[in-house]
């Protein structure tokens, strides 16, 4: 029993060494592209590794059983069960985006120095025991992380898609985003936001959480994009303009928007996000300097009328 525990301990240390070695090499690339790092990745690696191994073994057995025309119903059942367990772990809320950390992208010379230091460290510790390797790798990543966090973040910048420019503001160390309609212009707005806007935010500020998103012109594409985004990105508040029913439209058309809004509000509650509606009589101040208000002029879309939101 003691030998099994010792072997398990050695295996875990070896797996962590491999994980931190790969993190050391990939860190400059992640920082350059504005991609976050999960603080729980070492733990998740230990949890997921057995499922990945089982998945690879089962897929290989199924492949050969198909070639040899052997019965494989049990193998398919085991594969489906393993996949479901793996997806359950990956979807577990504590392992989500709340544990992500980002870094402001430094100048090219600093990135090159980090790359050279990473390779030099791995060369120095290549023949050391795994416990010593793990100590040096953790210490190195901690020092590099502290150095990157000392950089000065940007306070105001933007991200443009076609003719729509998303304004991004940082005030009191919190991120506020104003979307004039860019999410609605993209067929997959949540993907554009996740792979373009969020990396831009991380590159400029190192932030992975959003305090508020202000939607100037609500559209069905926008609502669908927001439903997907709150799963991937920690968003505290979504501001939408108050919608008025347009009486000359059919009930079926009105129902589509109502259903989408109910779905968004229900999903937002699970992910600790608040959906707030602003009418023409309201003016909301967030973080002292950022004010949200509705225009006096009415706009219309399909079967609704609303007043577009502004952020000043």
Protein backbone atom coordinates (compact mmCIF):
# COMPACT_ATOMS: atom_id res chain seq x y z
CA UNK A 1 0.00 0.00 0.00
CA UNK A 2 2.83 2.36 0.91
CA UNK A 3 4.60 1.60 -2.37
CA UNK A 4 1.45 2.44 -4.32
CA UNK A 5 1.16 5.78 -2.53
CA UNK A 6 4.80 6.55 -3.21
CA UNK A 7 4.40 5.65 -6.89
CA UNK A 8 1.29 7.81 -7.10
CA UNK A 9 3.13 10.71 -5.47
CA UNK A 10 6.05 10.37 -7.88
CA UNK A 11 3.68 10.17 -10.83
CA UNK A 12 1.85 13.32 -9.71
CA UNK A 13 5.14 15.20 -9.26
CA UNK A 14 6.27 14.09 -12.72
CA UNK A 15 2.98 15.15 -14.29
CA UNK A 16 3.19 18.56 -12.57
CA UNK A 17 6.75 19.00 -13.83
CA UNK A 18 5.60 18.34 -17.38
CA UNK A 19 2.67 20.74 -16.92
CA UNK A 20 4.80 23.58 -15.54
CA UNK A 21 7.50 23.01 -18.17
CA UNK A 22 4.91 23.41 -20.92
CA UNK A 23 3.46 26.47 -19.15
CA UNK A 24 6.96 27.99 -18.95
CA UNK A 25 7.44 27.57 -22.70
CA UNK A 26 3.92 28.67 -23.68
CA UNK A 27 3.64 31.67 -21.33
CA UNK A 28 5.25 34.21 -23.74
CA UNK A 29 2.97 33.00 -26.56
CA UNK A 30 -0.14 33.29 -24.38
CA UNK A 31 0.87 36.78 -23.23
CA UNK A 32 1.53 37.91 -26.80
CA UNK A 33 -1.88 36.74 -28.08
CA UNK A 34 -3.78 37.97 -25.02
CA UNK A 35 -4.84 34.54 -23.81
CA UNK A 36 -5.51 33.87 -20.11
CA UNK A 37 -4.00 31.20 -17.86
CA UNK A 38 -6.06 29.16 -15.41
CA UNK A 39 -4.80 29.14 -11.83
CA UNK A 40 -6.47 25.74 -11.38
CA UNK A 41 -4.80 24.15 -14.41
CA UNK A 42 -2.37 22.05 -12.28
CA UNK A 43 -5.29 20.55 -10.34
CA UNK A 44 -7.43 20.07 -13.44
CA UNK A 45 -4.51 18.38 -15.20
CA UNK A 46 -4.27 15.80 -12.41
CA UNK A 47 -8.04 15.22 -12.52
CA UNK A 48 -8.38 15.06 -16.29
CA UNK A 49 -5.26 12.98 -17.09
CA UNK A 50 -6.87 9.60 -16.13
CA UNK A 51 -9.96 10.38 -18.25
CA UNK A 52 -7.82 11.39 -21.24
CA UNK A 53 -5.83 8.15 -20.98
CA UNK A 54 -9.02 6.08 -20.74
CA UNK A 55 -10.50 8.00 -23.67
CA UNK A 56 -7.46 7.30 -25.88
CA UNK A 57 -7.42 3.59 -24.95
CA UNK A 58 -11.14 3.18 -25.64
CA UNK A 59 -11.03 5.01 -28.98
CA UNK A 60 -8.10 2.81 -30.05
CA UNK A 61 -9.96 -0.36 -29.07
CA UNK A 62 -13.08 0.78 -30.92
CA UNK A 63 -11.01 1.57 -34.02
CA UNK A 64 -9.48 -1.92 -34.12
CA UNK A 65 -12.78 -3.62 -33.29
CA UNK A 66 -14.38 -1.90 -36.27
CA UNK A 67 -11.55 -3.08 -38.51
CA UNK A 68 -11.87 -6.67 -37.28
CA UNK A 69 -15.71 -6.61 -37.18
CA UNK A 70 -15.77 -7.45 -33.47
CA UNK A 71 -18.71 -6.57 -31.18
CA UNK A 72 -18.00 -3.28 -29.45
CA UNK A 73 -21.27 -2.16 -27.84
CA UNK A 74 -19.70 -2.24 -24.39
CA UNK A 75 -16.73 -0.20 -25.61
CA UNK A 76 -19.06 2.48 -27.00
CA UNK A 77 -20.93 2.60 -23.70
CA UNK A 78 -17.68 2.98 -21.76
CA UNK A 79 -16.52 5.70 -24.16
CA UNK A 80 -19.76 7.64 -23.79
CA UNK A 81 -19.61 7.35 -19.99
CA UNK A 82 -15.98 8.50 -19.92
CA UNK A 83 -16.77 11.44 -22.21
CA UNK A 84 -19.69 12.51 -20.01
CA UNK A 85 -17.52 12.40 -16.88
CA UNK A 86 -14.82 14.46 -18.61
CA UNK A 87 -17.35 17.05 -19.83
CA UNK A 88 -18.84 17.26 -16.33
CA UNK A 89 -15.42 18.09 -14.87
CA UNK A 90 -14.68 20.65 -17.58
CA UNK A 91 -18.07 22.31 -17.10
CA UNK A 92 -17.78 22.41 -13.30
CA UNK A 93 -18.36 26.02 -12.31
CA UNK A 94 -15.38 26.41 -9.91
CA UNK A 95 -13.06 25.39 -12.78
CA UNK A 96 -14.49 28.13 -15.02
CA UNK A 97 -13.38 31.56 -16.11
CA UNK A 98 -13.37 33.02 -12.59
CA UNK A 99 -9.96 31.39 -12.04
CA UNK A 100 -8.42 32.84 -15.20
CA UNK A 101 -5.59 35.35 -14.98
CA UNK A 102 -4.23 37.56 -17.76
CA UNK A 103 -1.19 39.76 -18.26
CA UNK A 104 -0.61 43.05 -20.04
CA UNK A 105 1.42 42.42 -23.18
CA UNK A 106 4.91 43.91 -22.73
CA UNK A 107 7.22 45.29 -25.39
CA UNK A 108 8.94 42.92 -27.82
CA UNK A 109 12.36 43.02 -26.08
CA UNK A 110 10.80 41.92 -22.78
CA UNK A 111 8.99 39.02 -24.45
CA UNK A 112 12.22 37.87 -26.11
CA UNK A 113 14.04 38.02 -22.75
CA UNK A 114 11.29 35.90 -21.16
CA UNK A 115 11.59 33.31 -23.96
CA UNK A 116 15.38 33.12 -23.56
CA UNK A 117 15.12 32.84 -19.77
CA UNK A 118 12.54 30.05 -20.10
CA UNK A 119 14.76 27.93 -22.35
CA UNK A 120 17.80 28.65 -20.18
CA UNK A 121 15.97 27.53 -17.03
CA UNK A 122 14.76 24.30 -18.63
CA UNK A 123 18.31 23.61 -19.80
CA UNK A 124 19.71 24.13 -16.28
CA UNK A 125 17.23 21.86 -14.51
CA UNK A 126 17.07 19.10 -17.14
CA UNK A 127 19.01 16.57 -14.99
CA UNK A 128 17.63 17.56 -11.58
CA UNK A 129 15.22 15.41 -9.54
CA UNK A 130 11.58 16.10 -10.25
CA UNK A 131 11.00 17.71 -6.83
CA UNK A 132 13.79 20.23 -7.51
CA UNK A 133 12.48 20.86 -11.02
CA UNK A 134 9.02 21.58 -9.67
CA UNK A 135 10.41 24.03 -7.09
CA UNK A 136 12.41 26.03 -9.66
CA UNK A 137 9.61 26.05 -12.24
CA UNK A 138 7.02 27.30 -9.72
CA UNK A 139 9.41 29.97 -8.46
CA UNK A 140 10.25 31.12 -11.98
CA UNK A 141 6.59 31.36 -13.06
CA UNK A 142 5.73 33.25 -9.86
CA UNK A 143 8.49 35.82 -10.45
CA UNK A 144 7.59 36.27 -14.12
CA UNK A 145 3.91 36.64 -13.22
CA UNK A 146 4.67 39.33 -10.61
CA UNK A 147 6.91 41.20 -13.08
CA UNK A 148 4.20 41.16 -15.77
CA UNK A 149 1.54 42.33 -13.30
CA UNK A 150 3.65 45.40 -12.45
CA UNK A 151 3.04 46.87 -15.91
CA UNK A 152 0.76 49.88 -16.33
CA UNK A 153 -2.57 48.93 -17.98
CA UNK A 154 -4.43 51.05 -20.52
CA UNK A 155 -7.54 52.93 -19.39
CA UNK A 156 -9.32 53.53 -22.71
CA UNK A 157 -9.13 51.72 -26.06
CA UNK A 158 -11.43 50.24 -28.69
CA UNK A 159 -12.06 47.28 -30.96
CA UNK A 160 -13.74 47.73 -34.36
CA UNK A 161 -15.83 45.36 -36.46
CA UNK A 162 -16.90 46.80 -39.81
CA UNK A 163 -18.34 50.23 -39.03
CA UNK A 164 -19.05 49.56 -35.35
CA UNK A 165 -16.46 50.42 -32.70
CA UNK A 166 -16.70 48.79 -29.29
CA UNK A 167 -15.44 51.20 -26.63
CA UNK A 168 -13.57 49.68 -23.69
CA UNK A 169 -12.99 51.66 -20.51
CA UNK A 170 -11.12 50.79 -17.34
CA UNK A 171 -12.19 52.77 -14.31
CA UNK A 172 -11.28 51.97 -10.69
CA UNK A 173 -9.68 48.74 -11.87
CA UNK A 174 -12.96 47.54 -13.45
CA UNK A 175 -13.78 46.97 -17.10
CA UNK A 176 -16.77 48.60 -18.82
CA UNK A 177 -17.71 47.86 -22.42
CA UNK A 178 -20.01 49.86 -24.68
CA UNK A 179 -21.31 48.02 -27.76
CA UNK A 180 -22.99 50.28 -30.36
CA UNK A 181 -24.16 47.25 -32.36
CA UNK A 182 -21.06 45.21 -33.26
CA UNK A 183 -22.37 42.00 -31.67
CA UNK A 184 -25.47 42.16 -33.85
CA UNK A 185 -23.47 42.61 -37.05
CA UNK A 186 -21.52 39.38 -36.63
CA UNK A 187 -23.24 36.06 -37.37
CA UNK A 188 -21.35 34.54 -34.41
CA UNK A 189 -21.02 37.55 -32.16
CA UNK A 190 -19.97 35.56 -29.10
CA UNK A 191 -17.04 34.02 -30.99
CA UNK A 192 -15.91 37.40 -32.28
CA UNK A 193 -16.11 38.81 -28.75
CA UNK A 194 -14.30 35.82 -27.20
CA UNK A 195 -11.50 35.62 -29.79
CA UNK A 196 -11.05 39.30 -30.67
CA UNK A 197 -12.41 41.64 -28.00
CA UNK A 198 -11.37 39.65 -24.91
CA UNK A 199 -7.77 39.08 -26.10
CA UNK A 200 -7.57 42.82 -26.84
CA UNK A 201 -8.77 43.57 -23.29
CA UNK A 202 -6.24 41.17 -21.77
CA UNK A 203 -3.39 42.56 -23.89
CA UNK A 204 -4.14 46.12 -22.74
CA UNK A 205 -5.20 45.56 -19.13
CA UNK A 206 -4.59 41.97 -18.08
CA UNK A 207 -8.24 41.76 -16.95
CA UNK A 208 -10.33 38.63 -17.52
CA UNK A 209 -13.53 39.84 -15.83
CA UNK A 210 -16.02 42.43 -17.05
CA UNK A 211 -17.87 44.75 -14.69
CA UNK A 212 -20.52 45.81 -17.21
CA UNK A 213 -21.55 45.58 -20.86
CA UNK A 214 -23.78 48.34 -22.22
CA UNK A 215 -25.79 47.36 -25.29
CA UNK A 216 -26.85 50.42 -27.29
CA UNK A 217 -29.05 48.69 -29.87
CA UNK A 218 -30.50 45.35 -28.75
CA UNK A 219 -30.97 42.75 -31.45
CA UNK A 220 -31.82 39.05 -31.44
CA UNK A 221 -28.25 38.24 -32.47
CA UNK A 222 -27.02 40.38 -29.58
CA UNK A 223 -29.13 38.53 -27.02
CA UNK A 224 -28.04 35.15 -28.36
CA UNK A 225 -24.40 36.27 -28.20
CA UNK A 226 -24.82 37.45 -24.60
CA UNK A 227 -26.35 34.10 -23.63
CA UNK A 228 -23.18 32.39 -24.85
CA UNK A 229 -20.78 34.97 -23.40
CA UNK A 230 -21.97 34.72 -19.81
CA UNK A 231 -20.97 31.05 -19.89
CA UNK A 232 -17.42 31.85 -20.96
CA UNK A 233 -16.62 35.21 -19.38
CA UNK A 234 -17.36 36.53 -15.87
CA UNK A 235 -19.74 39.46 -16.51
CA UNK A 236 -21.28 41.25 -13.53
CA UNK A 237 -23.94 43.42 -15.21
CA UNK A 238 -25.55 43.71 -18.63
CA UNK A 239 -27.36 46.98 -19.40
CA UNK A 240 -30.11 46.92 -22.01
CA UNK A 241 -32.58 49.56 -23.08
CA UNK A 242 -36.16 49.12 -21.96
CA UNK A 243 -38.26 47.64 -24.77
CA UNK A 244 -41.79 48.71 -25.62
CA UNK A 245 -44.17 46.46 -27.47
CA UNK A 246 -45.05 47.62 -30.97
CA UNK A 247 -48.79 47.01 -31.19
CA UNK A 248 -48.94 46.67 -34.98
CA UNK A 249 -46.81 43.50 -34.94
CA UNK A 250 -48.03 39.95 -34.40
CA UNK A 251 -47.92 38.17 -31.07
CA UNK A 252 -45.71 35.43 -32.50
CA UNK A 253 -42.99 37.91 -33.38
CA UNK A 254 -43.27 39.52 -29.95
CA UNK A 255 -42.99 36.12 -28.27
CA UNK A 256 -39.64 35.36 -29.83
CA UNK A 257 -38.02 38.36 -28.16
CA UNK A 258 -39.78 37.75 -24.85
CA UNK A 259 -38.58 34.14 -24.79
CA UNK A 260 -35.02 35.19 -25.55
CA UNK A 261 -35.08 37.74 -22.74
CA UNK A 262 -36.41 35.20 -20.26
CA UNK A 263 -33.70 32.77 -21.32
CA UNK A 264 -31.01 35.44 -20.92
CA UNK A 265 -32.23 36.50 -17.47
CA UNK A 266 -32.53 32.90 -16.27
CA UNK A 267 -29.07 32.00 -17.52
CA UNK A 268 -27.56 35.20 -16.12
CA UNK A 269 -28.81 34.36 -12.63
CA UNK A 270 -26.97 31.03 -12.67
CA UNK A 271 -23.72 32.71 -13.70
CA UNK A 272 -24.03 35.53 -11.11
CA UNK A 273 -24.79 38.13 -13.77
CA UNK A 274 -27.47 40.83 -13.49
CA UNK A 275 -29.52 42.07 -16.46
CA UNK A 276 -30.74 45.65 -15.99
CA UNK A 277 -33.09 47.65 -18.21
CA UNK A 278 -32.78 51.43 -18.55
CA UNK A 279 -35.64 53.64 -19.72
CA UNK A 280 -35.64 57.22 -20.93
CA UNK A 281 -36.15 58.59 -17.40
CA UNK A 282 -33.15 56.81 -15.89
CA UNK A 283 -29.49 57.73 -15.74
CA UNK A 284 -27.15 55.25 -14.07
CA UNK A 285 -23.69 56.14 -12.78
CA UNK A 286 -21.17 53.34 -12.53
CA UNK A 287 -17.78 53.83 -10.92
CA UNK A 288 -18.09 57.60 -10.50
CA UNK A 289 -17.15 58.74 -14.01
CA UNK A 290 -19.17 56.42 -16.27
CA UNK A 291 -22.81 57.42 -16.89
CA UNK A 292 -25.38 55.42 -18.85
CA UNK A 293 -28.50 57.10 -20.20
CA UNK A 294 -31.09 56.59 -22.92
CA UNK A 295 -31.51 58.82 -25.96
CA UNK A 296 -34.66 60.88 -26.33
CA UNK A 297 -35.20 59.66 -29.88
CA UNK A 298 -37.01 56.35 -30.27
CA UNK A 299 -35.66 53.53 -32.43
CA UNK A 300 -37.46 50.45 -33.69
CA UNK A 301 -36.48 46.90 -34.51
CA UNK A 302 -38.88 44.21 -35.72
CA UNK A 303 -41.75 44.35 -33.22
CA UNK A 304 -40.21 46.56 -30.53
CA UNK A 305 -39.41 50.20 -29.95
CA UNK A 306 -36.63 51.37 -27.63
CA UNK A 307 -34.31 54.26 -26.89
CA UNK A 308 -30.66 53.59 -27.68
CA UNK A 309 -28.23 53.74 -24.76
CA UNK A 310 -25.21 56.03 -24.51
CA UNK A 311 -22.22 55.88 -22.21
CA UNK A 312 -20.37 59.06 -21.20
